[in-house]
N, C-alpha and C. Protein backbone atom coordinates (compact mmCIF):
# COMPACT_ATOMS: atom_id res chain seq x y z
N UNK A 1 34.70 63.33 71.81
CA UNK A 1 33.86 62.43 71.05
C UNK A 1 34.00 61.02 71.64
N UNK A 2 32.90 60.37 71.75
CA UNK A 2 32.88 59.02 72.29
C UNK A 2 33.40 58.01 71.27
N UNK A 3 34.09 57.02 71.78
CA UNK A 3 34.57 55.94 70.91
C UNK A 3 33.41 55.12 70.35
N UNK A 4 32.24 55.22 70.98
CA UNK A 4 31.07 54.46 70.53
C UNK A 4 30.40 55.08 69.30
N UNK A 5 30.67 56.35 69.03
CA UNK A 5 29.99 57.04 67.92
C UNK A 5 30.16 56.33 66.58
N UNK A 6 31.39 56.00 66.15
CA UNK A 6 31.52 55.32 64.86
C UNK A 6 30.77 53.98 64.82
N UNK A 7 30.79 53.25 65.92
CA UNK A 7 30.09 51.96 65.96
C UNK A 7 28.59 52.16 65.83
N UNK A 8 28.06 53.19 66.49
CA UNK A 8 26.62 53.49 66.39
C UNK A 8 26.26 53.83 64.95
N UNK A 9 27.03 54.70 64.33
CA UNK A 9 26.73 55.11 62.95
C UNK A 9 26.83 53.92 61.99
N UNK A 10 27.84 53.10 62.14
CA UNK A 10 27.98 51.93 61.27
C UNK A 10 26.85 50.92 61.52
N UNK A 11 26.46 50.78 62.77
CA UNK A 11 25.35 49.87 63.09
C UNK A 11 24.05 50.34 62.49
N UNK A 12 23.78 51.64 62.56
CA UNK A 12 22.57 52.20 61.96
C UNK A 12 22.59 51.99 60.45
N UNK A 13 23.74 52.18 59.84
CA UNK A 13 23.88 51.94 58.40
C UNK A 13 23.64 50.48 58.08
N UNK A 14 24.17 49.59 58.91
CA UNK A 14 23.98 48.15 58.72
C UNK A 14 22.50 47.77 58.76
N UNK A 15 21.71 48.51 59.56
CA UNK A 15 20.27 48.26 59.62
C UNK A 15 19.56 48.72 58.35
N UNK A 16 20.26 49.49 57.52
CA UNK A 16 19.68 49.96 56.27
C UNK A 16 19.04 51.32 56.36
N UNK A 17 19.19 52.00 57.48
CA UNK A 17 18.58 53.32 57.65
C UNK A 17 19.36 54.36 56.86
N UNK A 18 18.66 55.17 56.08
CA UNK A 18 19.31 56.18 55.26
C UNK A 18 18.70 57.57 55.46
N UNK A 19 17.94 57.76 56.52
CA UNK A 19 17.26 59.02 56.75
C UNK A 19 18.02 59.94 57.69
N UNK A 20 17.31 60.91 58.20
CA UNK A 20 17.86 61.90 59.11
C UNK A 20 18.00 61.33 60.51
N UNK A 21 19.08 61.70 61.17
CA UNK A 21 19.29 61.37 62.58
C UNK A 21 19.61 62.68 63.28
N UNK A 22 18.83 63.05 64.28
CA UNK A 22 19.08 64.31 64.96
C UNK A 22 20.29 64.18 65.89
N UNK A 23 20.94 65.30 66.11
CA UNK A 23 22.12 65.33 66.97
C UNK A 23 21.78 64.88 68.40
N UNK A 24 20.64 65.36 68.91
CA UNK A 24 20.25 65.00 70.28
C UNK A 24 19.94 63.52 70.39
N UNK A 25 19.29 62.97 69.38
CA UNK A 25 19.00 61.53 69.40
C UNK A 25 20.29 60.73 69.34
N UNK A 26 21.21 61.16 68.50
CA UNK A 26 22.47 60.43 68.36
C UNK A 26 23.26 60.44 69.67
N UNK A 27 23.32 61.58 70.33
CA UNK A 27 24.06 61.63 71.60
C UNK A 27 23.38 60.74 72.65
N UNK A 28 22.05 60.69 72.63
CA UNK A 28 21.33 59.82 73.55
C UNK A 28 21.63 58.35 73.25
N UNK A 29 21.65 57.99 71.96
CA UNK A 29 21.93 56.61 71.59
C UNK A 29 23.36 56.21 71.96
N UNK A 30 24.30 57.11 71.76
CA UNK A 30 25.70 56.82 72.13
C UNK A 30 25.79 56.56 73.64
N UNK A 31 25.10 57.37 74.43
CA UNK A 31 25.11 57.16 75.88
C UNK A 31 24.53 55.79 76.24
N UNK A 32 23.45 55.40 75.55
CA UNK A 32 22.86 54.09 75.81
C UNK A 32 23.79 52.97 75.37
N UNK A 33 24.52 53.14 74.27
CA UNK A 33 25.48 52.13 73.83
C UNK A 33 26.55 51.94 74.89
N UNK A 34 27.02 53.03 75.45
CA UNK A 34 28.05 52.93 76.48
C UNK A 34 27.54 52.19 77.72
N UNK A 35 26.23 52.30 77.98
CA UNK A 35 25.65 51.66 79.16
C UNK A 35 25.14 50.24 78.89
N UNK A 36 24.52 50.03 77.72
CA UNK A 36 23.82 48.76 77.46
C UNK A 36 24.45 47.90 76.36
N UNK A 37 25.34 48.47 75.56
CA UNK A 37 25.96 47.72 74.48
C UNK A 37 25.33 48.02 73.12
N UNK A 38 26.13 47.90 72.09
CA UNK A 38 25.71 48.26 70.74
C UNK A 38 24.56 47.40 70.23
N UNK A 39 24.66 46.10 70.36
CA UNK A 39 23.62 45.23 69.80
C UNK A 39 22.26 45.47 70.45
N UNK A 40 22.25 45.75 71.74
CA UNK A 40 21.00 46.06 72.43
C UNK A 40 20.37 47.32 71.86
N UNK A 41 21.17 48.36 71.69
CA UNK A 41 20.66 49.63 71.17
C UNK A 41 20.19 49.47 69.72
N UNK A 42 20.92 48.71 68.93
CA UNK A 42 20.49 48.48 67.55
C UNK A 42 19.16 47.73 67.51
N UNK A 43 18.95 46.81 68.43
CA UNK A 43 17.66 46.12 68.52
C UNK A 43 16.54 47.10 68.85
N UNK A 44 16.82 48.05 69.77
CA UNK A 44 15.83 49.07 70.10
C UNK A 44 15.48 49.90 68.86
N UNK A 45 16.50 50.25 68.07
CA UNK A 45 16.27 51.05 66.86
C UNK A 45 15.42 50.27 65.86
N UNK A 46 15.70 48.98 65.72
CA UNK A 46 14.88 48.15 64.82
C UNK A 46 13.43 48.14 65.27
N UNK A 47 13.20 48.06 66.57
CA UNK A 47 11.85 48.03 67.12
C UNK A 47 11.17 49.38 67.03
N UNK A 48 11.93 50.47 67.15
CA UNK A 48 11.36 51.81 67.14
C UNK A 48 12.31 52.80 66.48
N UNK A 49 12.23 52.95 65.14
CA UNK A 49 13.11 53.88 64.43
C UNK A 49 12.94 55.34 64.87
N UNK A 50 11.88 55.65 65.60
CA UNK A 50 11.69 56.99 66.13
C UNK A 50 12.81 57.42 67.06
N UNK A 51 13.54 56.45 67.59
CA UNK A 51 14.69 56.77 68.45
C UNK A 51 15.76 57.55 67.70
N UNK A 52 15.73 57.51 66.36
CA UNK A 52 16.70 58.25 65.56
C UNK A 52 16.31 59.71 65.39
N UNK A 53 15.11 60.06 65.79
CA UNK A 53 14.61 61.41 65.57
C UNK A 53 14.53 62.25 66.83
N UNK A 54 14.43 61.61 67.99
CA UNK A 54 14.37 62.37 69.24
C UNK A 54 15.05 61.57 70.34
N UNK A 55 15.59 62.24 71.33
CA UNK A 55 16.27 61.54 72.43
C UNK A 55 15.32 60.57 73.12
N UNK A 56 15.83 59.45 73.55
CA UNK A 56 14.99 58.42 74.17
C UNK A 56 14.29 58.92 75.43
N UNK A 57 14.86 59.90 76.12
CA UNK A 57 14.21 60.40 77.34
C UNK A 57 12.92 61.14 77.03
N UNK A 58 12.64 61.44 75.76
CA UNK A 58 11.39 62.11 75.41
C UNK A 58 10.25 61.12 75.22
N UNK A 59 10.54 59.84 75.25
CA UNK A 59 9.51 58.83 75.16
C UNK A 59 8.99 58.54 76.55
N UNK A 60 7.88 57.83 76.64
CA UNK A 60 7.30 57.52 77.94
C UNK A 60 8.13 56.49 78.70
N UNK A 61 8.98 55.79 78.02
CA UNK A 61 9.82 54.78 78.66
C UNK A 61 11.19 54.80 78.03
N UNK A 62 12.14 54.31 78.74
CA UNK A 62 13.46 54.06 78.15
C UNK A 62 13.48 52.61 77.73
N UNK A 63 13.98 52.33 76.56
CA UNK A 63 14.00 50.94 76.09
C UNK A 63 14.78 50.05 77.05
């Protein structure tokens, strides 16, 4: 388990999100946190909450 996982989950909670997060999306977000930093990824989630439902590689672009 990545050390970034708890930070990602707490950050998503801090944004006020209370819905479903898919496992594949979460693993993708954790990988992005490790590469780009937590605050950057949380900004992406604020801009596009769809990132919580499917891995970012399924979009036409990576944030």
